[in-house]
N, C-alpha and C. Protein backbone atom coordinates (compact mmCIF):
# COMPACT_ATOMS: atom_id res chain seq x y z
N MET A 1 -25.00 -83.51 -88.72
CA MET A 1 -25.02 -82.21 -88.06
C MET A 1 -25.37 -82.42 -86.59
N ALA A 2 -24.51 -81.97 -85.74
CA ALA A 2 -24.74 -82.08 -84.29
C ALA A 2 -25.73 -81.02 -83.83
N ARG A 3 -26.57 -81.39 -82.91
CA ARG A 3 -27.54 -80.45 -82.33
C ARG A 3 -27.28 -80.32 -80.84
N ASP A 4 -27.48 -79.13 -80.36
CA ASP A 4 -27.36 -78.90 -78.92
C ASP A 4 -28.75 -78.98 -78.30
N TYR A 5 -28.87 -79.79 -77.27
CA TYR A 5 -30.12 -79.93 -76.56
C TYR A 5 -29.91 -79.56 -75.10
N LYS A 6 -30.93 -79.00 -74.52
CA LYS A 6 -30.90 -78.69 -73.09
C LYS A 6 -32.01 -79.50 -72.44
N VAL A 7 -31.63 -80.38 -71.55
CA VAL A 7 -32.60 -81.20 -70.83
C VAL A 7 -32.94 -80.47 -69.53
N VAL A 8 -34.23 -80.28 -69.29
CA VAL A 8 -34.69 -79.60 -68.10
C VAL A 8 -35.14 -80.65 -67.09
N VAL A 9 -34.59 -80.58 -65.89
CA VAL A 9 -34.89 -81.55 -64.84
C VAL A 9 -35.55 -80.84 -63.67
N THR A 10 -36.62 -81.41 -63.16
CA THR A 10 -37.27 -80.89 -61.96
C THR A 10 -36.81 -81.73 -60.78
N VAL A 11 -36.32 -81.06 -59.75
CA VAL A 11 -35.79 -81.76 -58.58
C VAL A 11 -36.65 -81.44 -57.36
N SER A 12 -37.06 -82.50 -56.66
CA SER A 12 -37.89 -82.35 -55.46
C SER A 12 -37.21 -83.05 -54.29
N ASP A 13 -37.44 -82.51 -53.10
CA ASP A 13 -36.96 -83.21 -51.92
C ASP A 13 -38.15 -83.56 -51.04
N LEU A 14 -37.98 -84.63 -50.27
CA LEU A 14 -39.00 -85.10 -49.34
C LEU A 14 -38.32 -85.24 -47.99
N THR A 15 -38.81 -84.52 -47.01
CA THR A 15 -38.16 -84.48 -45.71
C THR A 15 -39.20 -84.35 -44.60
N GLY A 16 -38.76 -84.54 -43.40
CA GLY A 16 -39.62 -84.34 -42.24
C GLY A 16 -39.55 -82.92 -41.72
N TYR A 17 -38.76 -82.09 -42.36
CA TYR A 17 -38.57 -80.71 -41.91
C TYR A 17 -39.34 -79.76 -42.80
N GLY A 18 -40.24 -78.96 -42.21
CA GLY A 18 -41.09 -78.10 -43.02
C GLY A 18 -41.16 -76.67 -42.55
N GLN A 19 -40.20 -76.25 -41.74
CA GLN A 19 -40.19 -74.85 -41.30
C GLN A 19 -39.74 -73.96 -42.46
N ARG A 20 -40.03 -72.69 -42.35
CA ARG A 20 -39.68 -71.73 -43.41
C ARG A 20 -38.20 -71.80 -43.77
N ASN A 21 -37.32 -71.87 -42.76
CA ASN A 21 -35.90 -71.90 -43.07
C ASN A 21 -35.49 -73.21 -43.75
N ASP A 22 -36.20 -74.29 -43.48
CA ASP A 22 -35.94 -75.56 -44.18
C ASP A 22 -36.28 -75.44 -45.66
N ILE A 23 -37.40 -74.81 -45.94
CA ILE A 23 -37.83 -74.61 -47.33
C ILE A 23 -36.85 -73.69 -48.04
N GLU A 24 -36.44 -72.62 -47.39
CA GLU A 24 -35.49 -71.68 -47.98
C GLU A 24 -34.16 -72.38 -48.29
N ARG A 25 -33.71 -73.24 -47.39
CA ARG A 25 -32.46 -73.97 -47.61
C ARG A 25 -32.59 -74.92 -48.80
N ALA A 26 -33.74 -75.56 -48.93
CA ALA A 26 -33.95 -76.48 -50.06
C ALA A 26 -33.93 -75.71 -51.38
N VAL A 27 -34.58 -74.57 -51.41
CA VAL A 27 -34.59 -73.75 -52.62
C VAL A 27 -33.18 -73.26 -52.94
N ALA A 28 -32.46 -72.84 -51.91
CA ALA A 28 -31.08 -72.36 -52.10
C ALA A 28 -30.17 -73.49 -52.62
N ALA A 29 -30.50 -74.72 -52.26
CA ALA A 29 -29.71 -75.87 -52.71
C ALA A 29 -30.07 -76.30 -54.12
N GLY A 30 -31.12 -75.69 -54.70
CA GLY A 30 -31.48 -75.98 -56.09
C GLY A 30 -32.71 -76.84 -56.28
N PHE A 31 -33.41 -77.17 -55.20
CA PHE A 31 -34.63 -77.96 -55.35
C PHE A 31 -35.75 -77.09 -55.90
N ASP A 32 -36.56 -77.67 -56.77
CA ASP A 32 -37.73 -76.97 -57.33
C ASP A 32 -38.94 -77.08 -56.41
N HIS A 33 -39.01 -78.18 -55.67
CA HIS A 33 -40.15 -78.44 -54.80
C HIS A 33 -39.66 -79.02 -53.48
N HIS A 34 -40.34 -78.66 -52.41
CA HIS A 34 -40.00 -79.15 -51.07
C HIS A 34 -41.26 -79.80 -50.50
N LEU A 35 -41.21 -81.11 -50.34
CA LEU A 35 -42.36 -81.85 -49.81
C LEU A 35 -42.03 -82.30 -48.39
N VAL A 36 -43.05 -82.27 -47.52
CA VAL A 36 -42.86 -82.60 -46.11
C VAL A 36 -43.64 -83.86 -45.78
N LYS A 37 -42.99 -84.75 -45.01
CA LYS A 37 -43.64 -85.96 -44.53
C LYS A 37 -44.61 -85.60 -43.41
N PRO A 38 -45.71 -86.29 -43.24
CA PRO A 38 -46.18 -87.35 -44.11
C PRO A 38 -46.68 -86.76 -45.43
N LEU A 39 -46.34 -87.42 -46.49
CA LEU A 39 -46.65 -86.93 -47.83
C LEU A 39 -48.14 -87.06 -48.12
N ASN A 40 -48.71 -85.98 -48.61
CA ASN A 40 -50.10 -85.98 -49.04
C ASN A 40 -50.14 -86.54 -50.47
N PRO A 41 -50.81 -87.68 -50.70
CA PRO A 41 -50.82 -88.28 -52.04
C PRO A 41 -51.37 -87.35 -53.11
N ASP A 42 -52.35 -86.51 -52.77
CA ASP A 42 -52.89 -85.58 -53.76
C ASP A 42 -51.85 -84.54 -54.16
N GLN A 43 -51.03 -84.11 -53.20
CA GLN A 43 -49.98 -83.14 -53.49
C GLN A 43 -48.94 -83.76 -54.44
N LEU A 44 -48.57 -85.00 -54.19
CA LEU A 44 -47.60 -85.68 -55.05
C LEU A 44 -48.18 -85.88 -56.45
N THR A 45 -49.43 -86.29 -56.53
CA THR A 45 -50.08 -86.50 -57.83
C THR A 45 -50.11 -85.19 -58.63
N ALA A 46 -50.45 -84.10 -57.96
CA ALA A 46 -50.48 -82.80 -58.64
C ALA A 46 -49.09 -82.39 -59.11
N LEU A 47 -48.10 -82.63 -58.27
CA LEU A 47 -46.73 -82.29 -58.64
C LEU A 47 -46.28 -83.09 -59.85
N LEU A 48 -46.48 -84.39 -59.81
CA LEU A 48 -46.06 -85.25 -60.92
C LEU A 48 -46.86 -84.98 -62.19
N GLY A 49 -48.11 -84.58 -62.03
CA GLY A 49 -48.93 -84.26 -63.20
C GLY A 49 -48.45 -83.01 -63.91
N GLY A 50 -47.78 -82.13 -63.18
CA GLY A 50 -47.28 -80.90 -63.79
C GLY A 50 -45.86 -81.00 -64.30
N VAL A 51 -45.26 -82.18 -64.13
CA VAL A 51 -43.87 -82.38 -64.56
C VAL A 51 -43.87 -83.34 -65.74
N ALA A 52 -43.31 -82.89 -66.81
CA ALA A 52 -43.19 -83.74 -68.00
C ALA A 52 -41.76 -83.63 -68.51
N PRO A 53 -41.25 -84.70 -69.09
CA PRO A 53 -39.90 -84.62 -69.66
C PRO A 53 -39.85 -83.50 -70.70
N THR A 54 -38.83 -82.69 -70.61
CA THR A 54 -38.71 -81.55 -71.50
C THR A 54 -37.31 -81.51 -72.10
N VAL A 55 -37.26 -81.34 -73.40
CA VAL A 55 -36.00 -81.13 -74.10
C VAL A 55 -36.15 -79.85 -74.89
N ARG A 56 -35.23 -78.94 -74.69
CA ARG A 56 -35.27 -77.67 -75.42
C ARG A 56 -34.12 -77.60 -76.39
N HIS A 57 -34.37 -77.06 -77.55
CA HIS A 57 -33.33 -76.88 -78.58
C HIS A 57 -32.64 -75.55 -78.38
């Protein structure tokens, strides 16, 4: 019996651009998170801690 699965992927971008319109463009392009250089290690750790592989039936 075949099962249909939906894999949920979280997509983040890392860029040197952090103005409001840059963030809006990233969201419009489908990114879930917009990170700005220089990257804060605590921010990345928090982001990765909240992301887990997910498969939905």
